[in-house]
Amino acid sequence: MKRLFSVILFIGVSLSCEKQTDLNRNYAEVTGFNPDKCMCCWGWTIKVGNDTIKSDNAIIGQEIGFEIGNPVPVIIELGEKDDRCSSYYEIIRIERIN
C-alpha cells in the first residue's frame, strides 16, 4: 500500500512540475511597444494565449526591436510577475519565430 501511494505521489508531482514549465514557456506575439516613460507604461505588449501582458526587459528590444508594425511571433519564457505593475512580467528568454 505504501509503495502504491509513493508511485501515485511521484507521478502527480512529476505531472505538476511539467505543467508549470509549459505555462512559463509559450508561443506568443509581440504586438507593440510603448515609449512613454512612466512607471507602468513603458515597454512591450505581448499576447500570450488569451492573455495580454507587458514587459520592459531590454532583451525584447535586442531580439525584436522597438518599431513593430505587425505582430511578431515568438517563443517566450516568462519569469516572475512584477509586484509594482500588475500586468508586467520578467522575460527570461525570447526567440523570434521566422
Protein backbone atom coordinates (compact mmCIF):
# COMPACT_ATOMS: atom_id res chain seq x y z
CA MET A 1 0.00 0.00 0.00
CA LYS A 2 2.85 2.40 0.87
CA ARG A 3 4.58 1.59 -2.39
CA LEU A 4 1.40 2.29 -4.41
CA PHE A 5 0.90 5.61 -2.61
CA SER A 6 4.54 6.56 -3.29
CA VAL A 7 4.21 5.79 -7.00
CA ILE A 8 0.99 7.81 -7.29
CA LEU A 9 2.55 10.73 -5.41
CA PHE A 10 5.64 10.65 -7.64
CA ILE A 11 3.54 10.67 -10.83
CA GLY A 12 1.40 13.54 -9.52
CA VAL A 13 4.42 15.66 -8.62
CA SER A 14 6.08 14.91 -11.97
CA LEU A 15 3.00 15.96 -13.93
CA SER A 16 2.51 19.18 -11.95
CA CYS A 17 6.17 20.18 -12.46
CA GLU A 18 5.88 19.52 -16.19
CA LYS A 19 2.69 21.58 -16.40
CA GLN A 20 4.36 24.53 -14.61
CA THR A 21 7.20 24.52 -17.15
CA ASP A 22 4.70 24.57 -20.03
CA LEU A 23 2.96 27.61 -18.54
CA ASN A 24 6.22 29.56 -18.40
CA ARG A 25 7.36 28.74 -21.96
CA ASN A 26 4.84 29.83 -24.56
CA TYR A 27 4.24 30.75 -28.13
CA ALA A 28 3.33 34.42 -28.16
CA GLU A 29 3.15 37.56 -30.28
CA VAL A 30 4.82 40.87 -29.53
CA THR A 31 2.15 43.33 -30.66
CA GLY A 32 3.61 46.72 -29.82
CA PHE A 33 5.99 48.97 -27.97
CA ASN A 34 5.04 51.96 -25.80
CA PRO A 35 7.88 54.53 -25.49
CA ASP A 36 6.15 56.62 -22.78
CA LYS A 37 8.45 56.90 -19.76
CA CYS A 38 6.01 56.28 -16.94
CA MET A 39 6.17 53.52 -14.34
CA CYS A 40 3.68 51.06 -15.85
CA CYS A 41 3.55 52.41 -19.42
CA TRP A 42 6.97 51.85 -20.99
CA GLY A 43 7.64 48.52 -22.65
CA TRP A 44 6.39 45.85 -24.98
CA THR A 45 2.87 44.45 -25.20
CA ILE A 46 2.79 40.69 -25.67
CA LYS A 47 -0.17 38.43 -26.45
CA VAL A 48 0.25 35.04 -24.73
CA GLY A 49 -2.70 32.76 -25.43
CA ASN A 50 -5.80 34.68 -24.34
CA ASP A 51 -3.80 36.99 -22.05
CA THR A 52 -2.08 40.28 -22.79
CA ILE A 53 0.99 41.03 -20.72
CA LYS A 54 3.67 43.72 -20.72
CA SER A 55 7.39 43.70 -20.10
CA ASP A 56 10.17 46.25 -20.02
CA ASN A 57 13.05 43.76 -20.30
CA ALA A 58 15.81 45.03 -22.63
CA ILE A 59 16.26 41.57 -24.19
CA ILE A 60 12.99 42.11 -26.09
CA GLY A 61 14.41 45.23 -27.74
CA GLN A 62 17.57 43.35 -28.68
CA GLU A 63 15.63 40.47 -30.26
CA ILE A 64 12.52 42.22 -31.65
CA GLY A 65 13.31 45.93 -31.80
CA PHE A 66 11.17 48.94 -30.99
CA GLU A 67 9.21 49.59 -34.19
CA ILE A 68 6.57 46.91 -34.53
CA GLY A 69 4.19 47.23 -37.49
CA ASN A 70 2.74 43.72 -37.42
CA PRO A 71 2.66 41.22 -34.56
CA VAL A 72 5.97 39.37 -34.23
CA PRO A 73 5.64 35.63 -33.42
CA VAL A 74 7.99 34.49 -30.66
CA ILE A 75 8.70 31.74 -28.18
CA ILE A 76 8.86 33.32 -24.76
CA GLU A 77 9.86 32.11 -21.32
CA LEU A 78 8.20 34.10 -18.56
CA GLY A 79 9.77 34.82 -15.21
CA GLU A 80 8.33 36.42 -12.12
CA LYS A 81 5.38 38.77 -12.21
CA ASP A 82 6.27 42.37 -11.27
CA ASP A 83 4.78 43.46 -7.94
CA ARG A 84 4.63 47.14 -8.93
CA CYS A 85 2.77 46.77 -12.25
CA SER A 86 0.13 44.05 -12.32
CA SER A 87 0.44 43.02 -15.99
CA TYR A 88 4.26 43.21 -16.19
CA TYR A 89 6.44 40.08 -16.27
CA GLU A 90 10.15 39.41 -16.29
CA ILE A 91 11.20 37.77 -19.55
CA ILE A 92 13.83 35.09 -19.11
CA ARG A 93 14.22 34.23 -22.79
CA ILE A 94 12.63 35.34 -26.05
CA GLU A 95 13.23 33.99 -29.53
CA ARG A 96 11.75 35.26 -32.77
CA ILE A 97 9.99 32.63 -34.90
CA ASN A 98 10.59 33.19 -38.61
